[in-house]
Amino acid sequence: MRSEGKISEAESQIEVAEPIVNQLLTAIARQRGVIAAAAEATKLQIADAAAGHDAHSGGGTTVGLNFAAQSKQTSKCTITKETDTPNFATQPNFEQLTELKLTAETDIGKHLPTAKATITSSGSCSSGSGKQHIAQALASCQLAVGSTTDWAYTSMSEHSSSAATKLYKGDQRNQGCAEELDDSKIQDYSQKKLAKAICNYLKLNVKTLTPLAKESSEPLAVEPIVLKTVRNCDPDFATIENALDSSKNKVLKDYITDAYTRSQEFSQRSS
C-alpha cells in the first residue's frame, strides 16, 4: 500500500497548493492587465479634438476649447505573450526575489507624454509663466485670423513606480511574509496582493517526484497501483480477478518485471 499512501499524500498537497497557485495566477494576470494599460497609455497624446473647438456665434465672448487623448505614438514597449518565454538579459532567480517594484494602477496616467500647445501670430499677451488656466495665459492676447497652434510632446520615458513592496519579514522566504502583507493592510493595493500571492507560493514545500527511471523492476512489480493499472489497461490480463492476489498475479508481476527491465536496457543503450 506504499504507493497508494504516496498518491494520497500527493493529492493532499495538490489540494493545499491549488488555491495558492490559482491566487498567484489571478494576481499575475491582473498585473499584466495594468502593464498592458500602461503600455497603451504611452501611445496617447493630448491634442485638439477631432471635432474641433467651439467659437461663439455672433461675436460673443465665450469660446469652447475641446481636447482629446489620441493614440498617435509608438508604444514604448511590447507586452510579452503569456505563451512566450520572456527574453530577460539575465533570467531572474526566484530564490533571490525579496521585493517587488511594479507599475501601479495609479501610475498609468504618468506614462502619457507631456503636451504643450504654442499659439503663434498673436500679440499683446500678458507676460510671465506659471499661469494656472488657459484664460490667464491668453489674457490680453490679440489673435489674428491666421493664428496657429503647434503641439509639442516630451520624449517618452519609463516611469518608476513608488516604493517597493517587501515579500518577507527579513531577506529569506523562510522568515514568513512581510507584516505589510497582512490581509488587514493590503486593502486594494494590487502590488501588495501580488506580493502576498508570490510569498505564499514560494513558501509551498511540495515534494519533488522521483522519476521512474530511478526505480528498479522488482519494487514496481509489487506496487498495488502498478499492478492495478497494468491489469486494467492490458486486455491480456483481464481474466485476473484480483491484481493484488499473490496466488493469481504471478504472470502479471513477471510481465511488469520483464517489461521494465527491457525498457531500462533500451534506454541505457540509447543514451
Protein backbone atom coordinates (compact mmCIF):
# COMPACT_ATOMS: atom_id res chain seq x y z
CA MET A 1 0.00 0.00 0.00
CA ARG A 2 3.08 2.25 -0.06
CA SER A 3 2.28 3.69 -3.48
CA GLU A 4 -1.35 4.39 -2.55
CA GLY A 5 -0.11 6.24 0.52
CA LYS A 6 2.18 8.35 -1.64
CA ILE A 7 -0.66 9.12 -4.03
CA SER A 8 -2.91 10.12 -1.13
CA GLU A 9 -0.16 12.38 0.22
CA ALA A 10 0.35 13.94 -3.22
CA GLU A 11 -3.39 14.55 -3.58
CA SER A 12 -3.42 16.32 -0.20
CA GLN A 13 -0.51 18.51 -1.29
CA ILE A 14 -2.32 19.39 -4.50
CA GLU A 15 -5.47 20.35 -2.56
CA VAL A 16 -3.40 22.68 -0.38
CA ALA A 17 -1.35 24.12 -3.24
CA GLU A 18 -4.13 24.57 -5.81
CA PRO A 19 -5.85 27.65 -4.27
CA ILE A 20 -2.46 29.26 -3.59
CA VAL A 21 -1.33 28.71 -7.17
CA ASN A 22 -4.67 29.95 -8.53
CA GLN A 23 -4.42 33.07 -6.36
CA LEU A 24 -0.95 33.75 -7.77
CA LEU A 25 -2.09 33.24 -11.37
CA THR A 26 -5.00 35.63 -10.80
CA ALA A 27 -2.70 38.28 -9.30
CA ILE A 28 -0.21 37.91 -12.16
CA ALA A 29 -2.99 38.21 -14.75
CA ARG A 30 -4.24 41.37 -13.03
CA GLN A 31 -0.75 42.89 -13.03
CA ARG A 32 -0.33 42.01 -16.71
CA GLY A 33 -3.52 43.98 -17.33
CA VAL A 34 -2.05 47.00 -15.52
CA ILE A 35 1.16 46.78 -17.54
CA ALA A 36 -0.79 46.41 -20.80
CA ALA A 37 -2.83 49.51 -19.92
CA ALA A 38 0.36 51.43 -19.13
CA ALA A 39 1.87 50.37 -22.46
CA GLU A 40 -1.23 51.61 -24.28
CA ALA A 41 -1.04 54.88 -22.37
CA THR A 42 2.39 55.56 -23.84
CA LYS A 43 0.72 55.74 -27.27
CA LEU A 44 -1.62 58.54 -26.22
CA GLN A 45 -1.08 62.26 -26.63
CA ILE A 46 -3.35 65.18 -25.82
CA ALA A 47 -4.33 67.11 -28.95
CA ASP A 48 -7.12 69.18 -30.47
CA ALA A 49 -10.35 67.19 -30.52
CA ALA A 50 -11.20 65.74 -33.92
CA ALA A 51 -14.45 67.74 -33.99
CA GLY A 52 -12.53 70.96 -33.38
CA HIS A 53 -13.19 73.85 -30.98
CA ASP A 54 -16.35 75.90 -30.49
CA ALA A 55 -16.20 79.56 -31.45
CA HIS A 56 -19.12 81.63 -30.16
CA SER A 57 -21.54 82.60 -32.89
CA GLY A 58 -22.35 86.26 -33.47
CA GLY A 59 -19.16 87.65 -31.99
CA GLY A 60 -19.88 86.57 -28.41
CA THR A 61 -17.45 86.47 -25.52
CA THR A 62 -17.06 82.71 -24.92
CA VAL A 63 -15.04 80.07 -26.71
CA GLY A 64 -15.15 76.31 -26.13
CA LEU A 65 -11.79 74.52 -26.31
CA ASN A 66 -12.06 70.77 -26.91
CA PHE A 67 -9.15 68.40 -26.38
CA ALA A 68 -8.87 64.62 -26.59
CA ALA A 69 -6.33 61.88 -25.95
CA GLN A 70 -5.43 60.30 -29.26
CA SER A 71 -3.42 57.15 -29.94
CA LYS A 72 -0.67 58.52 -32.15
CA GLN A 73 2.58 57.44 -30.54
CA THR A 74 4.54 54.23 -30.94
CA SER A 75 4.27 52.12 -27.81
CA LYS A 76 7.26 52.33 -25.50
CA CYS A 77 7.37 48.56 -25.14
CA THR A 78 5.73 45.36 -26.36
CA ILE A 79 3.99 43.10 -23.87
CA THR A 80 5.30 39.54 -23.95
CA LYS A 81 2.59 36.98 -24.67
CA GLU A 82 1.77 34.55 -21.89
CA THR A 83 2.86 31.68 -24.13
CA ASP A 84 6.25 33.25 -24.92
CA THR A 85 9.41 32.94 -22.85
CA PRO A 86 10.46 36.40 -21.61
CA ASN A 87 13.77 37.43 -23.15
CA PHE A 88 15.38 38.79 -19.98
CA ALA A 89 19.03 39.75 -20.32
CA THR A 90 19.53 37.79 -17.10
CA GLN A 91 16.98 35.19 -16.10
CA PRO A 92 15.54 36.07 -12.67
CA ASN A 93 16.30 33.80 -9.74
CA PHE A 94 13.16 33.50 -7.62
CA GLU A 95 15.23 32.24 -4.70
CA GLN A 96 16.71 35.75 -4.53
CA LEU A 97 13.42 37.60 -5.02
CA THR A 98 12.78 39.69 -1.90
CA GLU A 99 10.72 42.68 -3.11
CA LEU A 100 8.55 43.97 -5.94
CA LYS A 101 8.57 47.34 -7.66
CA LEU A 102 5.95 47.34 -10.38
CA THR A 103 3.76 49.72 -12.32
CA ALA A 104 0.74 50.62 -10.20
CA GLU A 105 -2.73 51.43 -11.48
CA THR A 106 -2.39 54.97 -10.14
CA ASP A 107 0.76 55.43 -12.23
CA ILE A 108 -0.80 54.67 -15.62
CA GLY A 109 -1.54 58.32 -16.34
CA LYS A 110 2.08 59.23 -15.67
CA HIS A 111 3.10 57.42 -18.85
CA LEU A 112 1.34 59.94 -21.08
CA PRO A 113 3.89 62.28 -22.68
CA THR A 114 3.57 65.90 -21.56
CA ALA A 115 1.88 68.01 -24.24
CA LYS A 116 2.46 71.70 -24.93
CA ALA A 117 0.46 73.86 -27.36
CA THR A 118 2.17 77.02 -28.62
CA ILE A 119 -0.03 79.68 -30.22
CA THR A 120 1.66 81.84 -32.85
CA SER A 121 0.72 85.05 -34.70
CA SER A 122 -0.60 86.72 -31.58
CA GLY A 123 0.24 89.96 -29.89
CA SER A 124 -0.23 91.98 -26.72
CA CYS A 125 -0.31 88.85 -24.50
CA SER A 126 0.38 89.04 -20.78
CA SER A 127 3.93 88.17 -19.75
CA GLY A 128 5.11 85.59 -17.26
CA SER A 129 4.82 81.82 -16.78
CA GLY A 130 3.04 79.53 -14.36
CA LYS A 131 -0.47 80.61 -15.35
CA GLN A 132 -2.95 78.14 -13.87
CA HIS A 133 -5.63 78.43 -16.54
CA ILE A 134 -5.77 78.82 -20.32
CA ALA A 135 -7.76 82.02 -19.88
CA GLN A 136 -4.98 83.52 -17.76
CA ALA A 137 -2.35 82.57 -20.33
CA LEU A 138 -4.38 84.19 -23.11
CA ALA A 139 -5.22 87.34 -21.18
CA SER A 140 -4.90 90.46 -23.38
CA CYS A 141 -3.80 88.35 -26.40
CA GLN A 142 -4.86 89.57 -29.80
CA LEU A 143 -5.25 86.50 -32.01
CA ALA A 144 -5.35 87.11 -35.73
CA VAL A 145 -7.41 85.04 -38.13
CA GLY A 146 -4.23 83.31 -39.30
CA SER A 147 -3.06 82.32 -35.81
CA THR A 148 -1.90 78.72 -35.50
CA THR A 149 -1.43 76.22 -32.70
CA ASP A 150 1.61 73.96 -32.68
CA TRP A 151 1.70 70.93 -30.41
CA ALA A 152 4.94 69.58 -28.96
CA TYR A 153 5.44 66.48 -26.82
CA THR A 154 8.14 65.30 -24.50
CA SER A 155 10.02 62.15 -25.38
CA MET A 156 8.53 59.04 -23.87
CA SER A 157 10.41 57.62 -20.93
CA GLU A 158 9.98 54.87 -18.37
CA HIS A 159 8.24 55.75 -15.14
CA SER A 160 9.44 54.22 -11.89
CA SER A 161 6.71 53.17 -9.51
CA SER A 162 6.76 54.42 -5.95
CA ALA A 163 8.12 52.44 -3.02
CA ALA A 164 8.99 48.78 -3.41
CA THR A 165 6.91 46.14 -1.63
CA LYS A 166 8.79 43.65 0.56
CA LEU A 167 7.91 39.97 0.30
CA TYR A 168 9.34 38.70 3.59
CA LYS A 169 9.91 39.89 7.14
CA GLY A 170 13.63 39.53 6.51
CA ASP A 171 15.56 38.71 3.36
CA GLN A 172 14.76 34.98 3.28
CA ARG A 173 11.49 33.31 2.38
CA ASN A 174 11.63 31.03 5.44
CA GLN A 175 11.11 34.11 7.63
CA GLY A 176 7.46 34.47 6.71
CA CYS A 177 5.61 37.09 4.69
CA ALA A 178 6.24 40.76 5.43
CA GLU A 179 3.98 42.37 8.02
CA GLU A 180 2.74 44.89 5.44
CA LEU A 181 1.24 41.93 3.54
CA ASP A 182 -1.25 41.13 6.31
CA ASP A 183 -4.75 40.96 4.88
CA SER A 184 -5.84 43.89 7.07
CA LYS A 185 -3.17 46.12 5.48
CA ILE A 186 -3.37 45.07 1.83
CA GLN A 187 -6.80 46.57 1.04
CA ASP A 188 -6.88 47.42 -2.68
CA TYR A 189 -3.14 47.61 -3.34
CA SER A 190 -2.69 45.28 -6.30
CA GLN A 191 1.10 45.20 -5.91
CA LYS A 192 0.75 44.03 -2.31
CA LYS A 193 -1.80 41.41 -3.34
CA LEU A 194 0.64 40.08 -5.92
CA ALA A 195 3.48 40.16 -3.38
CA LYS A 196 1.35 38.19 -0.89
CA ALA A 197 0.45 35.63 -3.57
CA ILE A 198 4.12 35.21 -4.55
CA CYS A 199 5.18 34.89 -0.91
CA ASN A 200 2.55 32.21 -0.22
CA TYR A 201 3.53 30.35 -3.39
CA LEU A 202 7.26 30.36 -2.62
CA LYS A 203 6.53 29.02 0.88
CA LEU A 204 4.98 25.88 -0.58
CA ASN A 205 7.07 22.83 0.22
CA VAL A 206 5.96 20.44 -2.48
CA LYS A 207 7.98 17.27 -2.74
CA THR A 208 9.81 16.60 -5.98
CA LEU A 209 8.62 13.44 -7.67
CA THR A 210 11.18 10.69 -8.21
CA PRO A 211 11.36 9.70 -11.90
CA LEU A 212 10.51 6.09 -12.65
CA ALA A 213 13.89 5.82 -14.35
CA LYS A 214 15.42 5.66 -10.86
CA GLU A 215 13.23 2.74 -9.79
CA SER A 216 14.01 -0.93 -10.31
CA SER A 217 11.69 -3.54 -11.76
CA GLU A 218 11.21 -5.61 -8.59
CA PRO A 219 9.64 -2.88 -6.39
CA LEU A 220 7.45 -1.75 -9.27
CA ALA A 221 6.14 -5.26 -9.79
CA VAL A 222 4.69 -5.37 -6.27
CA GLU A 223 3.29 -1.83 -6.21
CA PRO A 224 -0.53 -2.11 -5.99
CA ILE A 225 -1.13 0.89 -8.23
CA VAL A 226 1.18 -0.52 -10.93
CA LEU A 227 -0.42 -3.96 -10.74
CA LYS A 228 -3.94 -2.50 -10.95
CA THR A 229 -3.04 -0.15 -13.80
CA VAL A 230 -1.45 -2.82 -15.99
CA ARG A 231 -4.26 -5.28 -15.25
CA ASN A 232 -6.95 -2.72 -16.15
CA CYS A 233 -5.23 -1.37 -19.26
CA ASP A 234 -3.93 -4.56 -20.85
CA PRO A 235 -6.71 -6.91 -22.05
CA ASP A 236 -4.29 -9.86 -21.83
CA PHE A 237 -4.67 -9.74 -18.05
CA ALA A 238 -8.40 -9.07 -17.86
CA THR A 239 -9.01 -12.61 -16.59
CA ILE A 240 -7.09 -11.89 -13.38
CA GLU A 241 -9.88 -11.07 -10.94
CA ASN A 242 -7.65 -9.59 -8.24
CA ALA A 243 -4.40 -7.98 -9.37
CA LEU A 244 -3.15 -7.93 -5.76
CA ASP A 245 -3.73 -11.63 -5.06
CA SER A 246 -0.23 -13.14 -4.97
CA SER A 247 -1.64 -16.58 -5.77
CA LYS A 248 -3.05 -15.31 -9.08
CA ASN A 249 -0.90 -12.41 -10.22
CA LYS A 250 2.48 -14.09 -10.85
CA VAL A 251 2.14 -13.75 -14.62
CA LEU A 252 1.27 -10.07 -14.15
CA LYS A 253 4.29 -9.42 -11.91
CA ASP A 254 6.60 -11.28 -14.28
CA TYR A 255 5.31 -9.20 -17.16
CA ILE A 256 5.95 -5.92 -15.30
CA THR A 257 9.42 -7.01 -14.21
CA ASP A 258 10.43 -8.16 -17.69
CA ALA A 259 8.91 -5.17 -19.50
CA TYR A 260 10.53 -2.59 -17.24
CA THR A 261 13.90 -4.35 -17.31
CA ARG A 262 13.92 -4.41 -21.11
CA SER A 263 12.83 -0.76 -21.19
CA GLN A 264 15.71 0.24 -18.93
CA GLU A 265 18.21 -1.73 -21.02
CA PHE A 266 16.97 0.01 -24.17
CA SER A 267 17.24 3.42 -22.52
CA GLN A 268 20.81 2.73 -21.44
CA ARG A 269 21.81 1.65 -24.96
CA SER A 270 20.19 4.74 -26.47
CA SER A 271 21.84 7.21 -24.11
